[in-house]
Amino acid sequence: MLETMFEAARDELGTLVSGEQLERIRGESYKLEVVLGRLWGTIGPAALDCIFALHVSVPNEAHMLAALHLLRGGTHVTVNFDIGIELAYDLICGRTDLPAAAPREYHDALPAWRALAPSGSPDLLTVSSHDEFAAWLRSGRRAALLKVHGGLDRRQTSLADVVVVDIEEMAQLTAERAAAVEGLGTADRLLITGYSGGDPDVYGPLLAAAARTSATWCCLSLPAASTVPADACDRGIDLVQGAPDGLAVTALRQILGTPALPSWPSIGLGGDRYADLFAGWRQRLRAAHPAELIAQSWAWLIADLGDLDTAEAMLAALPETPGARLRHAEILYNRARGDDRDRAGTIFGEMATHAGDEATRLHCLLRLGDLARGRAARQSRGTRVVRDLAEAYARPIQVLIATRNGRQLPEEAGDAYRALQQTSLRLFEQLTLVMPRASWPPLGTLCQLAAKLGERATQRARNGNRLMLIRHHRATLLALNALLRGHPAPEHLRSDIRALRDTYRAADDLQGAGNCTATLAVLACADSDPVAARALTDEALTEYTAGRPDGRPLPSAELMIGVVTRLVEKSDRADG
């Protein structure tokens, strides 16, 4: 996938694209969801067609063992898309046959597996789509193959509500899909195989489920920085790595408890391989989509690395499509150096009036409000602050009116409530720093009221990154409420922030994790623990600077550290 994007970007941008960039992105070990998400964001759903390369015609041994466990009444939850287990189940039950061209060894091995099928075996219940999960939950959660990230249909020609981009993962599992993972904790024994814990929507619920029962986690290996070993130890989960014990086949054979299970071949098949199918998708993609669109996705990845200068130069060099202009403005907004935000404001202002679709126009209106909030935060006094704050509140209200409070374009309405909550948070942070201690309790009450804006935002928004931001801002307001009213921080609030931070870390978003750590520092202030607060502030700064080209955090992160540091100092003096 990276090579596909790299080659298109090099064709379009020449020397702005280098092999060093490709190697650096590879070195970051991005998940497919991140890389594919950037391509999906520029060319649309055609990016997801690469999943059809996961075509299975003959199941492997792990598929066969998993199917046998399902035949014995077990339940499986998987984040995979392929239909290998479904094929294996039907093969063992005799409902389908191997392809005639499959090597003879597979045909010879199949009768011994069919002899293990219980008589009268029911059809396999496979649950992939959102509607299927809702029906499964209503019907009493019967044993099934539950694909919590969606999957391919049986013909392997269409996708059923797949979660394959990071924006969707950050939105967390739907309630029905979360119930599938949570339900694993009711089993007498839970086996986790072939999973690295890299899905931010699945990982937390899976850990919680595993902690409630006897659980074994088997995998060949884990990344060096993986949190799985420590998390497994904390929850009493038995972690097994390496070959052969960490292999899914070994673990499944052990849990099935029948040492005499037949073997299953592992012989290469004829016909199109995965590499052939992927190459076909790649060729069709390049033929159907301009290189400039794919190059935008490459610039987006470069921005993810923190190299905003190069990303900005790439977007400035690309043809001025609406998508490229909008992403160029977003890069300038985030870099926030020199006149960057003025230039971003010019683009947002033009697109707020002239963009071809209403959603983009409303997004740009909200960005103008975000820019006004940023100007107010950088100004210490004067009438300009009042004007900027007025605009920061007025733009979201304008969007709420245009969307009829979310009855139309609910996502944009959710973002408007996000902006209102965020502006209130920044205002109350600054007021806390300048107002006397006697005014803190009523200010804390205002923080609690402003957090209700976050509730309205989450009712309307579905964008995963936006929902995470809303959750964080709401939690910070509640942390400020505890600090300002002199109450100990509720334990559930601390655990929520830690879970949010774990989600950001699982998604390799250390900037987001740093924001959560800064909020934990505010909670430490509320608990009158300045030593812990300062340690957490230092930890947040480390997360903010990790991987940054110049070793410095983004301007917004610097501002956050400054505010939290001053809060710690003021709270410490007040307690003293």
Protein backbone atom coordinates (compact mmCIF):
# COMPACT_ATOMS: atom_id res chain seq x y z
CA MET A 1 0.00 0.00 0.00
CA LEU A 2 2.82 2.38 0.92
CA GLU A 3 4.63 1.65 -2.33
CA THR A 4 1.45 2.32 -4.32
CA MET A 5 1.05 5.73 -2.69
CA PHE A 6 4.78 6.50 -2.86
CA GLU A 7 5.07 5.82 -6.58
CA ALA A 8 2.04 7.95 -7.45
CA ALA A 9 3.34 10.80 -5.29
CA ARG A 10 6.80 10.59 -6.85
CA ASP A 11 5.27 10.73 -10.34
CA GLU A 12 3.34 13.86 -9.40
CA LEU A 13 5.76 15.66 -7.06
CA GLY A 14 9.23 14.63 -8.26
CA THR A 15 12.06 15.52 -5.89
CA LEU A 16 9.70 16.46 -3.04
CA VAL A 17 9.20 12.69 -2.61
CA SER A 18 12.18 10.59 -1.55
CA GLY A 19 13.02 7.01 -0.72
CA GLU A 20 14.05 8.20 2.74
CA GLN A 21 10.44 9.23 3.37
CA LEU A 22 9.25 5.75 2.43
CA GLU A 23 11.76 4.10 4.73
CA ARG A 24 10.90 6.43 7.58
CA ILE A 25 7.18 5.72 7.26
CA ARG A 26 7.94 2.00 7.14
CA GLY A 27 10.04 2.44 10.28
CA GLU A 28 7.04 3.86 12.10
CA SER A 29 5.27 0.50 11.70
CA TYR A 30 1.94 2.14 10.91
CA LYS A 31 -1.07 -0.12 10.95
CA LEU A 32 -2.84 -0.71 7.65
CA GLU A 33 -5.83 1.22 9.04
CA VAL A 34 -3.74 4.41 9.24
CA VAL A 35 -2.22 4.10 5.78
CA LEU A 36 -5.44 2.99 4.12
CA GLY A 37 -7.34 5.72 5.95
CA ARG A 38 -5.29 8.41 4.24
CA LEU A 39 -5.90 6.93 0.80
CA TRP A 40 -9.60 6.45 1.57
CA GLY A 41 -9.74 10.11 2.58
CA THR A 42 -8.54 11.27 -0.83
CA ILE A 43 -9.93 8.83 -3.41
CA GLY A 44 -12.94 7.46 -1.52
CA PRO A 45 -14.34 3.91 -1.16
CA ALA A 46 -12.29 2.50 -4.06
CA ALA A 47 -9.35 2.38 -1.65
CA LEU A 48 -11.12 -0.35 0.34
CA ASP A 49 -11.35 -2.65 -2.67
CA CYS A 50 -7.86 -3.89 -1.83
CA ILE A 51 -9.58 -6.07 0.80
CA PHE A 52 -10.88 -8.28 -1.99
CA ALA A 53 -7.31 -9.50 -2.40
CA LEU A 54 -7.96 -11.49 0.80
CA HIS A 55 -9.62 -14.18 -1.31
CA VAL A 56 -9.71 -17.68 0.20
CA SER A 57 -10.45 -20.79 -1.83
CA VAL A 58 -9.02 -23.43 0.54
CA PRO A 59 -8.94 -22.87 4.32
CA ASN A 60 -5.79 -23.40 6.35
CA GLU A 61 -5.33 -25.56 9.44
CA ALA A 62 -6.20 -22.76 11.89
CA HIS A 63 -9.44 -22.15 9.99
CA MET A 64 -10.29 -25.87 10.23
CA LEU A 65 -9.61 -25.99 13.98
CA ALA A 66 -11.61 -22.84 14.61
CA ALA A 67 -14.51 -24.29 12.63
CA LEU A 68 -14.35 -27.50 14.66
CA HIS A 69 -14.57 -25.48 17.87
CA LEU A 70 -17.62 -23.66 16.51
CA LEU A 71 -19.18 -26.99 15.60
CA ARG A 72 -18.79 -28.01 19.26
CA GLY A 73 -20.73 -24.96 20.45
CA GLY A 74 -17.96 -22.43 20.89
CA THR A 75 -18.08 -18.73 20.07
CA HIS A 76 -15.45 -16.84 18.08
CA VAL A 77 -14.86 -13.10 17.89
CA THR A 78 -12.49 -12.00 15.15
CA VAL A 79 -11.17 -8.78 13.64
CA ASN A 80 -10.34 -10.58 10.37
CA PHE A 81 -12.36 -10.07 7.19
CA ASP A 82 -11.75 -13.29 5.23
CA ILE A 83 -14.18 -16.21 5.01
CA GLY A 84 -11.65 -18.95 5.81
CA ILE A 85 -13.52 -20.14 8.93
CA GLU A 86 -16.86 -20.16 7.12
CA LEU A 87 -15.39 -22.24 4.29
CA ALA A 88 -13.83 -24.65 6.78
CA TYR A 89 -17.13 -25.07 8.65
CA ASP A 90 -19.02 -25.88 5.47
CA LEU A 91 -16.28 -28.26 4.32
CA ILE A 92 -16.35 -30.23 7.60
CA CYS A 93 -20.16 -30.39 7.54
CA GLY A 94 -20.17 -31.52 3.89
CA ARG A 95 -22.12 -28.48 2.73
CA THR A 96 -19.43 -27.54 0.22
CA ASP A 97 -16.52 -29.26 -1.50
CA LEU A 98 -12.93 -28.37 -2.16
CA PRO A 99 -12.14 -26.86 -5.55
CA ALA A 100 -11.46 -29.64 -8.02
CA ALA A 101 -8.06 -28.08 -8.76
CA ALA A 102 -6.94 -28.17 -5.11
CA PRO A 103 -3.92 -30.45 -4.56
CA ARG A 104 -4.76 -34.09 -3.92
CA GLU A 105 -3.44 -33.90 -0.33
CA TYR A 106 -6.37 -31.67 0.68
CA HIS A 107 -8.93 -34.03 -0.86
CA ASP A 108 -7.31 -36.99 0.92
CA ALA A 109 -7.31 -35.22 4.33
CA LEU A 110 -10.91 -34.00 4.25
CA PRO A 111 -12.76 -37.26 5.14
CA ALA A 112 -11.03 -37.52 8.53
CA TRP A 113 -12.23 -34.01 9.41
CA ARG A 114 -15.76 -34.72 8.21
CA ALA A 115 -15.85 -37.72 10.53
CA LEU A 116 -15.55 -35.27 13.47
CA ALA A 117 -18.68 -33.28 12.54
CA PRO A 118 -21.53 -33.80 15.04
CA SER A 119 -24.65 -35.18 13.39
CA GLY A 120 -27.26 -32.60 12.52
CA SER A 121 -24.83 -29.69 12.77
CA PRO A 122 -26.67 -26.39 12.27
CA ASP A 123 -25.67 -23.81 9.72
CA LEU A 124 -22.93 -21.50 10.99
CA LEU A 125 -24.26 -18.20 12.26
CA THR A 126 -21.88 -15.52 10.95
CA VAL A 127 -22.45 -11.98 12.19
CA SER A 128 -20.71 -9.18 10.31
CA SER A 129 -22.94 -6.21 9.50
CA HIS A 130 -24.35 -3.73 12.01
CA ASP A 131 -27.87 -5.03 11.40
CA GLU A 132 -26.74 -8.62 12.00
CA PHE A 133 -25.07 -7.64 15.28
CA ALA A 134 -28.25 -5.90 16.45
CA ALA A 135 -30.32 -8.99 15.58
CA TRP A 136 -27.81 -11.30 17.29
CA LEU A 137 -27.96 -9.23 20.48
CA ARG A 138 -31.78 -9.21 20.47
CA SER A 139 -31.92 -12.98 19.97
CA GLY A 140 -29.91 -13.78 23.09
CA ARG A 141 -26.26 -13.83 21.95
CA ARG A 142 -26.22 -17.41 20.69
CA ALA A 143 -22.90 -19.07 19.76
CA ALA A 144 -21.61 -17.64 16.50
CA LEU A 145 -18.69 -16.38 14.46
CA LEU A 146 -18.70 -12.66 15.29
CA LYS A 147 -16.73 -10.36 12.99
CA VAL A 148 -16.51 -7.14 14.99
CA HIS A 149 -14.73 -5.29 12.18
CA GLY A 150 -17.14 -6.52 9.52
CA GLY A 151 -16.11 -8.78 6.68
CA LEU A 152 -16.45 -10.13 3.18
CA ASP A 153 -19.67 -11.79 2.09
CA ARG A 154 -19.68 -15.49 1.24
CA ARG A 155 -19.13 -14.75 -2.48
CA GLN A 156 -16.15 -12.54 -1.53
CA THR A 157 -17.45 -9.78 -3.78
CA SER A 158 -18.82 -7.20 -1.31
CA LEU A 159 -17.99 -5.79 2.11
CA ALA A 160 -20.27 -5.87 5.16
CA ASP A 161 -19.74 -2.74 7.30
CA VAL A 162 -15.99 -3.11 7.49
CA VAL A 163 -13.88 -1.11 9.95
CA VAL A 164 -10.61 -0.69 8.12
CA VAL A 165 -9.55 2.95 8.59
CA ASP A 166 -8.23 4.53 11.76
CA ILE A 167 -10.99 7.16 11.92
CA GLU A 168 -13.55 4.37 12.37
CA GLU A 169 -11.41 2.55 14.95
CA MET A 170 -11.08 5.70 17.03
CA ALA A 171 -14.88 5.95 17.08
CA GLN A 172 -14.84 2.73 19.15
CA LEU A 173 -17.04 -0.31 18.60
CA THR A 174 -20.77 0.09 18.28
CA ALA A 175 -22.70 -1.02 21.36
CA GLU A 176 -23.69 -4.30 19.66
CA ARG A 177 -20.14 -5.11 18.57
CA ALA A 178 -18.77 -4.14 21.98
CA ALA A 179 -21.27 -6.57 23.52
CA ALA A 180 -19.70 -9.37 21.46
CA VAL A 181 -16.26 -8.70 22.97
CA GLU A 182 -17.58 -8.11 26.49
CA GLY A 183 -19.50 -11.39 26.32
CA LEU A 184 -16.24 -13.32 26.03
CA GLY A 185 -15.73 -12.69 29.74
CA THR A 186 -18.63 -15.04 30.58
CA ALA A 187 -16.89 -18.07 29.06
CA ASP A 188 -15.23 -20.63 31.33
CA ARG A 189 -12.10 -20.23 29.28
CA LEU A 190 -10.98 -17.61 26.79
CA LEU A 191 -8.30 -18.15 24.14
CA ILE A 192 -6.85 -15.17 22.27
CA THR A 193 -4.76 -16.10 19.24
CA GLY A 194 -2.83 -14.30 16.52
CA TYR A 195 -3.63 -10.83 17.88
CA SER A 196 -1.14 -8.06 18.66
CA GLY A 197 -3.57 -5.77 20.53
CA GLY A 198 -3.21 -3.02 17.93
CA ASP A 199 -6.90 -2.16 17.46
CA PRO A 200 -7.83 0.81 19.67
CA ASP A 201 -11.53 -0.09 19.57
CA VAL A 202 -11.15 -3.76 20.51
CA TYR A 203 -8.15 -3.80 22.84
CA GLY A 204 -9.67 -2.25 25.98
CA PRO A 205 -12.91 -4.27 25.93
CA LEU A 206 -10.93 -7.45 25.26
CA LEU A 207 -8.66 -6.87 28.25
CA ALA A 208 -11.69 -6.25 30.46
CA ALA A 209 -13.34 -9.46 29.27
CA ALA A 210 -10.17 -11.51 29.70
CA ALA A 211 -9.74 -10.25 33.26
CA ARG A 212 -13.11 -11.79 34.22
CA THR A 213 -12.26 -15.37 33.27
CA SER A 214 -9.40 -17.80 32.72
CA ALA A 215 -7.62 -16.42 29.66
CA THR A 216 -4.60 -17.39 27.57
CA TRP A 217 -3.13 -15.05 24.96
CA CYS A 218 -1.05 -16.80 22.30
CA CYS A 219 0.83 -15.04 19.53
CA LEU A 220 4.02 -15.59 17.59
CA SER A 221 5.58 -12.26 18.65
CA LEU A 222 4.73 -8.73 19.79
CA PRO A 223 6.28 -5.37 18.88
CA ALA A 224 9.04 -4.20 21.22
CA ALA A 225 6.92 -1.32 22.56
CA SER A 226 3.76 -3.41 22.98
CA THR A 227 1.72 -2.85 26.12
CA VAL A 228 0.28 -6.37 25.94
CA PRO A 229 2.83 -8.09 28.28
CA ALA A 230 2.30 -5.59 31.10
CA ASP A 231 -1.47 -5.44 30.62
CA ALA A 232 -1.73 -9.23 30.52
CA CYS A 233 0.32 -9.54 33.71
CA ASP A 234 -1.83 -6.95 35.50
CA ARG A 235 -5.00 -8.88 34.63
CA GLY A 236 -3.79 -12.42 35.25
CA ILE A 237 -3.79 -13.36 31.56
CA ASP A 238 -1.39 -16.15 30.61
CA LEU A 239 0.75 -14.80 27.72
CA VAL A 240 2.44 -17.35 25.42
CA GLN A 241 4.77 -16.29 22.59
CA GLY A 242 7.04 -17.96 20.05
CA ALA A 243 6.84 -21.05 17.86
CA PRO A 244 5.24 -23.52 18.21
CA ASP A 245 3.45 -22.68 21.50
CA GLY A 246 2.39 -19.19 20.44
CA LEU A 247 0.89 -20.33 17.13
CA ALA A 248 -2.88 -20.36 16.74
CA VAL A 249 -2.79 -23.96 15.50
CA THR A 250 -0.99 -25.16 18.63
CA ALA A 251 -3.28 -23.24 20.96
CA LEU A 252 -6.45 -24.40 19.22
CA ARG A 253 -5.37 -28.05 19.26
CA GLN A 254 -4.70 -27.79 22.99
CA ILE A 255 -8.04 -26.18 23.81
CA LEU A 256 -9.96 -28.72 21.72
CA GLY A 257 -8.44 -31.35 23.99
CA THR A 258 -8.19 -34.12 21.43
CA PRO A 259 -4.58 -35.04 20.67
CA ALA A 260 -5.63 -37.35 17.83
CA LEU A 261 -7.06 -34.58 15.65
CA PRO A 262 -6.16 -35.15 12.02
CA SER A 263 -3.57 -33.02 10.30
CA TRP A 264 -4.31 -30.59 7.46
CA PRO A 265 -1.96 -29.92 4.55
CA SER A 266 -0.12 -26.67 3.98
CA ILE A 267 0.57 -26.83 0.27
CA GLY A 268 0.66 -23.93 -2.17
CA LEU A 269 -2.34 -23.54 -4.46
CA GLY A 270 -2.53 -22.77 -8.13
CA GLY A 271 -4.24 -19.71 -9.60
CA ASP A 272 -4.05 -16.11 -8.46
CA ARG A 273 -2.13 -15.57 -5.26
CA TYR A 274 -2.68 -12.68 -2.85
CA ALA A 275 0.17 -10.77 -4.53
CA ASP A 276 -1.49 -11.20 -7.93
CA LEU A 277 -4.87 -10.02 -6.67
CA PHE A 278 -3.35 -7.01 -4.93
CA ALA A 279 -1.33 -6.12 -8.03
CA GLY A 280 -4.56 -6.16 -10.06
CA TRP A 281 -6.23 -3.79 -7.58
CA ARG A 282 -3.17 -1.53 -7.68
CA GLN A 283 -3.23 -1.37 -11.48
CA ARG A 284 -6.95 -0.55 -11.53
CA LEU A 285 -6.48 2.11 -8.87
CA ARG A 286 -3.73 3.91 -10.78
CA ALA A 287 -5.73 3.75 -14.00
CA ALA A 288 -8.92 5.11 -12.44
CA HIS A 289 -7.61 7.88 -10.17
CA PRO A 290 -5.34 10.84 -10.92
CA ALA A 291 -1.88 10.66 -9.40
CA GLU A 292 -2.51 14.03 -7.75
CA LEU A 293 -5.23 12.53 -5.52
CA ILE A 294 -3.02 9.65 -4.44
CA ALA A 295 -0.19 12.16 -3.88
CA GLN A 296 -2.43 14.02 -1.45
CA SER A 297 -2.63 10.87 0.65
CA TRP A 298 1.17 10.68 0.68
CA ALA A 299 1.42 14.30 1.87
CA TRP A 300 -1.06 13.41 4.60
CA LEU A 301 1.19 10.56 5.77
CA ILE A 302 4.19 12.89 5.79
CA ALA A 303 2.18 15.26 8.00
CA ASP A 304 1.41 12.31 10.31
CA LEU A 305 5.17 11.94 10.77
CA GLY A 306 5.29 15.52 12.03
CA ASP A 307 7.13 16.84 8.97
CA LEU A 308 4.61 19.60 8.32
CA ASP A 309 7.07 21.67 6.26
CA THR A 310 7.46 18.97 3.63
CA ALA A 311 3.74 18.14 3.69
CA GLU A 312 2.90 21.82 3.19
CA ALA A 313 5.33 22.10 0.27
CA MET A 314 3.75 19.02 -1.35
CA LEU A 315 0.21 20.33 -1.03
CA ALA A 316 1.28 23.76 -2.30
CA ALA A 317 2.77 22.09 -5.39
CA LEU A 318 -0.32 20.00 -6.20
CA PRO A 319 -3.12 21.27 -8.47
CA GLU A 320 -5.67 23.36 -6.56
CA THR A 321 -8.49 20.87 -6.18
CA PRO A 322 -10.91 21.57 -3.31
CA GLY A 323 -9.56 18.59 -1.40
CA ALA A 324 -5.95 19.70 -1.79
CA ARG A 325 -6.79 23.27 -0.74
CA LEU A 326 -8.63 22.07 2.34
CA ARG A 327 -5.79 19.78 3.41
CA HIS A 328 -3.28 22.55 2.71
CA ALA A 329 -5.25 24.83 5.03
CA GLU A 330 -5.38 22.12 7.72
CA ILE A 331 -1.59 21.70 7.56
CA LEU A 332 -1.11 25.46 7.94
CA TYR A 333 -3.59 25.51 10.81
CA ASN A 334 -1.73 22.76 12.68
CA ARG A 335 1.77 24.07 11.97
CA ALA A 336 0.78 27.54 13.25
CA ARG A 337 4.10 29.21 12.50
CA GLY A 338 4.53 32.81 11.36
CA ASP A 339 1.56 33.75 9.19
CA ASP A 340 0.39 30.14 8.77
CA ARG A 341 -2.94 30.64 10.50
CA ASP A 342 -3.62 33.86 8.62
CA ARG A 343 -3.04 31.96 5.35
CA ALA A 344 -5.20 29.09 6.60
CA GLY A 345 -7.92 31.58 7.54
CA THR A 346 -7.89 33.03 4.02
CA ILE A 347 -8.44 29.56 2.52
CA PHE A 348 -11.11 28.62 5.07
CA GLY A 349 -12.87 31.93 4.49
CA GLU A 350 -12.97 31.44 0.72
CA MET A 351 -14.16 27.84 1.02
CA ALA A 352 -16.78 28.73 3.62
CA THR A 353 -18.41 30.80 0.87
CA HIS A 354 -17.55 29.04 -2.36
CA ALA A 355 -17.05 25.31 -1.58
CA GLY A 356 -19.24 23.05 -3.66
CA ASP A 357 -20.87 21.13 -0.80
CA GLU A 358 -22.50 22.37 2.37
CA ALA A 359 -20.59 20.04 4.70
CA THR A 360 -17.28 21.54 3.56
CA ARG A 361 -18.64 25.08 3.89
CA LEU A 362 -19.79 24.42 7.43
CA HIS A 363 -16.49 22.76 8.34
CA CYS A 364 -14.65 25.85 7.16
CA LEU A 365 -16.95 28.10 9.19
CA LEU A 366 -16.06 26.08 12.28
CA ARG A 367 -12.37 26.35 11.45
CA LEU A 368 -12.75 30.15 11.35
CA GLY A 369 -14.16 29.89 14.86
CA ASP A 370 -11.24 27.67 15.91
CA LEU A 371 -8.82 30.27 14.56
CA ALA A 372 -10.59 33.00 16.54
CA ARG A 373 -10.33 30.91 19.71
CA GLY A 374 -6.61 30.44 19.08
CA ARG A 375 -6.11 34.20 18.65
CA ALA A 376 -7.97 34.84 21.90
CA ALA A 377 -5.79 32.33 23.76
CA ARG A 378 -2.62 34.06 22.56
CA GLN A 379 -3.85 37.54 23.52
CA SER A 380 -3.62 38.41 27.21
CA ARG A 381 -5.92 41.47 27.19
CA GLY A 382 -7.75 44.04 25.09
CA THR A 383 -10.94 44.39 23.11
CA ARG A 384 -9.54 42.11 20.41
CA VAL A 385 -9.87 39.19 22.83
CA VAL A 386 -13.56 39.95 23.27
CA ARG A 387 -14.11 40.11 19.51
CA ASP A 388 -12.24 36.85 18.95
CA LEU A 389 -14.16 35.06 21.70
CA ALA A 390 -17.41 36.35 20.26
CA GLU A 391 -16.50 34.91 16.86
CA ALA A 392 -15.34 31.63 18.43
CA TYR A 393 -18.83 31.20 19.89
CA ALA A 394 -20.76 32.72 16.98
CA ARG A 395 -19.40 30.42 14.24
CA PRO A 396 -20.59 27.16 15.89
CA ILE A 397 -23.95 28.73 16.66
CA GLN A 398 -24.19 29.70 12.99
CA VAL A 399 -23.57 26.05 12.05
CA LEU A 400 -26.16 24.78 14.54
CA ILE A 401 -28.73 27.12 13.00
CA ALA A 402 -27.79 25.98 9.47
CA THR A 403 -28.11 22.28 10.45
CA ARG A 404 -31.29 22.84 12.50
CA ASN A 405 -29.46 21.59 15.59
CA GLY A 406 -28.30 18.47 13.80
CA ARG A 407 -31.54 17.39 12.18
CA GLN A 408 -29.61 17.98 8.96
CA LEU A 409 -25.89 17.19 8.69
CA PRO A 410 -25.59 15.81 12.25
CA GLU A 411 -21.83 15.33 11.93
CA GLU A 412 -21.30 19.05 11.35
CA ALA A 413 -23.66 19.86 14.22
CA GLY A 414 -21.66 17.53 16.47
CA ASP A 415 -18.51 19.38 15.46
CA ALA A 416 -20.22 22.68 16.31
CA TYR A 417 -20.92 21.44 19.84
CA ARG A 418 -17.31 20.25 19.97
CA ALA A 419 -16.16 23.78 19.12
CA LEU A 420 -18.43 25.36 21.76
CA GLN A 421 -17.12 22.95 24.40
CA GLN A 422 -13.50 23.50 23.36
CA THR A 423 -13.82 27.30 23.43
CA SER A 424 -15.44 27.15 26.87
CA LEU A 425 -12.63 24.92 28.12
CA ARG A 426 -9.91 27.28 26.89
CA LEU A 427 -11.75 30.29 28.34
CA PHE A 428 -12.16 28.67 31.76
CA GLU A 429 -8.51 27.56 31.78
CA GLN A 430 -7.41 31.15 31.28
CA LEU A 431 -9.87 32.49 33.84
CA THR A 432 -8.60 29.98 36.39
CA LEU A 433 -5.09 31.39 35.95
CA VAL A 434 -6.10 35.03 36.54
CA MET A 435 -9.09 34.95 38.90
CA PRO A 436 -8.79 34.84 42.70
CA ARG A 437 -9.29 31.60 44.59
CA ALA A 438 -12.65 32.79 45.95
CA SER A 439 -14.10 32.76 42.43
CA TRP A 440 -13.07 29.17 41.72
CA PRO A 441 -16.22 27.30 42.92
CA PRO A 442 -18.68 29.13 40.64
CA LEU A 443 -16.19 28.81 37.79
CA GLY A 444 -16.09 25.07 38.48
CA THR A 445 -19.88 24.94 38.17
CA LEU A 446 -19.58 26.61 34.75
CA CYS A 447 -17.05 23.91 33.74
CA GLN A 448 -19.57 21.23 34.71
CA LEU A 449 -22.29 22.92 32.67
CA ALA A 450 -19.97 23.30 29.65
CA ALA A 451 -19.25 19.56 29.76
CA LYS A 452 -22.90 19.01 28.81
CA LEU A 453 -22.01 20.45 25.39
CA GLY A 454 -19.80 17.40 24.97
CA GLU A 455 -22.77 15.13 25.63
CA ARG A 456 -24.67 16.82 22.83
CA ALA A 457 -21.64 16.53 20.56
CA THR A 458 -21.30 12.78 21.08
CA GLN A 459 -25.01 12.27 20.32
CA ARG A 460 -24.47 13.68 16.82
CA ALA A 461 -20.85 12.99 15.79
CA ARG A 462 -19.63 9.69 14.34
CA ASN A 463 -16.12 10.69 13.21
CA GLY A 464 -13.76 8.74 15.45
CA ASN A 465 -11.04 11.37 15.80
CA ARG A 466 -13.67 14.00 16.61
CA LEU A 467 -15.32 11.79 19.23
CA MET A 468 -11.97 11.22 20.93
CA LEU A 469 -11.34 14.97 21.03
CA ILE A 470 -14.81 15.59 22.46
CA ARG A 471 -14.29 12.97 25.16
CA HIS A 472 -10.95 14.46 26.11
CA HIS A 473 -12.21 18.04 26.33
CA ARG A 474 -15.24 16.94 28.35
CA ALA A 475 -13.03 15.02 30.77
CA THR A 476 -10.70 18.02 31.16
CA LEU A 477 -13.67 20.26 32.00
CA LEU A 478 -14.76 17.79 34.66
CA ALA A 479 -11.20 17.63 35.99
CA LEU A 480 -11.16 21.43 36.23
CA ASN A 481 -14.51 21.28 37.99
CA ALA A 482 -13.01 18.99 40.64
CA LEU A 483 -9.99 21.24 41.05
CA LEU A 484 -11.94 24.51 41.22
CA ARG A 485 -14.59 23.27 43.63
CA GLY A 486 -12.05 21.60 45.89
CA HIS A 487 -13.46 18.11 45.45
CA PRO A 488 -11.36 14.95 45.08
CA ALA A 489 -11.36 13.77 41.48
CA PRO A 490 -13.90 10.97 40.91
CA GLU A 491 -12.11 7.69 40.35
CA HIS A 492 -14.24 6.90 37.30
CA LEU A 493 -13.00 10.12 35.67
CA ARG A 494 -9.39 9.13 36.21
CA SER A 495 -10.01 5.64 34.82
CA ASP A 496 -11.84 7.12 31.81
CA ILE A 497 -8.88 9.38 31.01
CA ARG A 498 -6.43 6.50 31.37
CA ALA A 499 -8.55 4.36 29.05
CA LEU A 500 -8.66 7.23 26.57
CA ARG A 501 -4.89 7.59 26.77
CA ASP A 502 -4.46 3.85 26.20
CA THR A 503 -6.67 4.16 23.12
CA TYR A 504 -4.51 6.95 21.73
CA ARG A 505 -1.36 4.96 22.44
CA ALA A 506 -2.80 1.86 20.75
CA ALA A 507 -3.42 4.07 17.71
CA ASP A 508 0.19 5.39 17.83
CA ASP A 509 -1.15 8.91 18.47
CA LEU A 510 1.23 10.23 21.11
CA GLN A 511 -0.04 13.80 20.71
CA GLY A 512 -3.49 12.64 21.79
CA ALA A 513 -1.94 10.56 24.59
CA GLY A 514 -0.04 13.65 25.75
CA ASN A 515 -3.28 15.61 26.00
CA CYS A 516 -4.72 12.91 28.26
CA THR A 517 -1.59 12.86 30.42
CA ALA A 518 -1.89 16.64 30.83
CA THR A 519 -5.47 16.14 32.02
CA LEU A 520 -4.26 13.55 34.53
CA ALA A 521 -1.91 16.27 35.83
CA VAL A 522 -4.96 18.49 36.43
CA LEU A 523 -6.60 15.62 38.32
CA ALA A 524 -3.46 15.28 40.45
CA CYS A 525 -3.81 18.99 41.28
CA ALA A 526 -7.40 18.33 42.35
CA ASP A 527 -6.05 15.62 44.66
CA SER A 528 -3.53 18.12 46.13
CA ASP A 529 -0.61 16.08 44.84
CA PRO A 530 1.73 18.60 43.16
CA VAL A 531 4.59 16.09 42.92
CA ALA A 532 2.49 13.72 40.82
CA ALA A 533 1.13 16.66 38.82
CA ARG A 534 4.62 17.84 37.88
CA ALA A 535 5.69 14.31 36.97
CA LEU A 536 2.66 13.92 34.73
CA THR A 537 3.34 17.29 33.10
CA ASP A 538 6.87 16.12 32.28
CA GLU A 539 5.45 12.86 30.93
CA ALA A 540 3.02 14.78 28.72
CA LEU A 541 5.88 16.87 27.33
CA THR A 542 7.79 13.69 26.49
CA GLU A 543 4.78 12.35 24.60
CA TYR A 544 4.28 15.66 22.79
CA THR A 545 7.88 15.73 21.53
CA ALA A 546 8.19 12.03 20.60
CA GLY A 547 9.02 11.71 16.90
CA ARG A 548 8.85 15.44 16.25
CA PRO A 549 11.52 16.47 13.67
CA ASP A 550 12.75 19.45 15.71
CA GLY A 551 12.25 17.85 19.12
CA ARG A 552 9.60 20.44 19.96
CA PRO A 553 5.86 19.93 20.41
CA LEU A 554 3.24 21.51 18.20
CA PRO A 555 2.26 25.07 19.24
CA SER A 556 -1.07 23.84 20.61
CA ALA A 557 0.77 21.30 22.76
CA GLU A 558 3.19 23.96 24.02
CA LEU A 559 0.21 26.09 25.01
CA MET A 560 -1.37 23.14 26.83
CA ILE A 561 1.85 22.43 28.77
CA GLY A 562 2.13 26.10 29.70
CA VAL A 563 -1.45 26.21 31.00
CA VAL A 564 -1.12 22.99 33.01
CA THR A 565 2.24 24.04 34.46
CA ARG A 566 0.76 27.34 35.65
CA LEU A 567 -2.29 25.53 37.03
CA VAL A 568 -0.01 23.24 39.05
CA GLU A 569 1.94 26.21 40.40
CA LYS A 570 -1.17 28.22 41.29
CA SER A 571 -2.91 25.24 42.88
CA ASP A 572 0.22 24.42 44.88
CA ARG A 573 0.48 28.01 46.17
CA ALA A 574 -3.22 28.05 47.07
CA ASP A 575 -2.94 24.76 48.97
CA GLY A 576 0.15 26.04 50.75
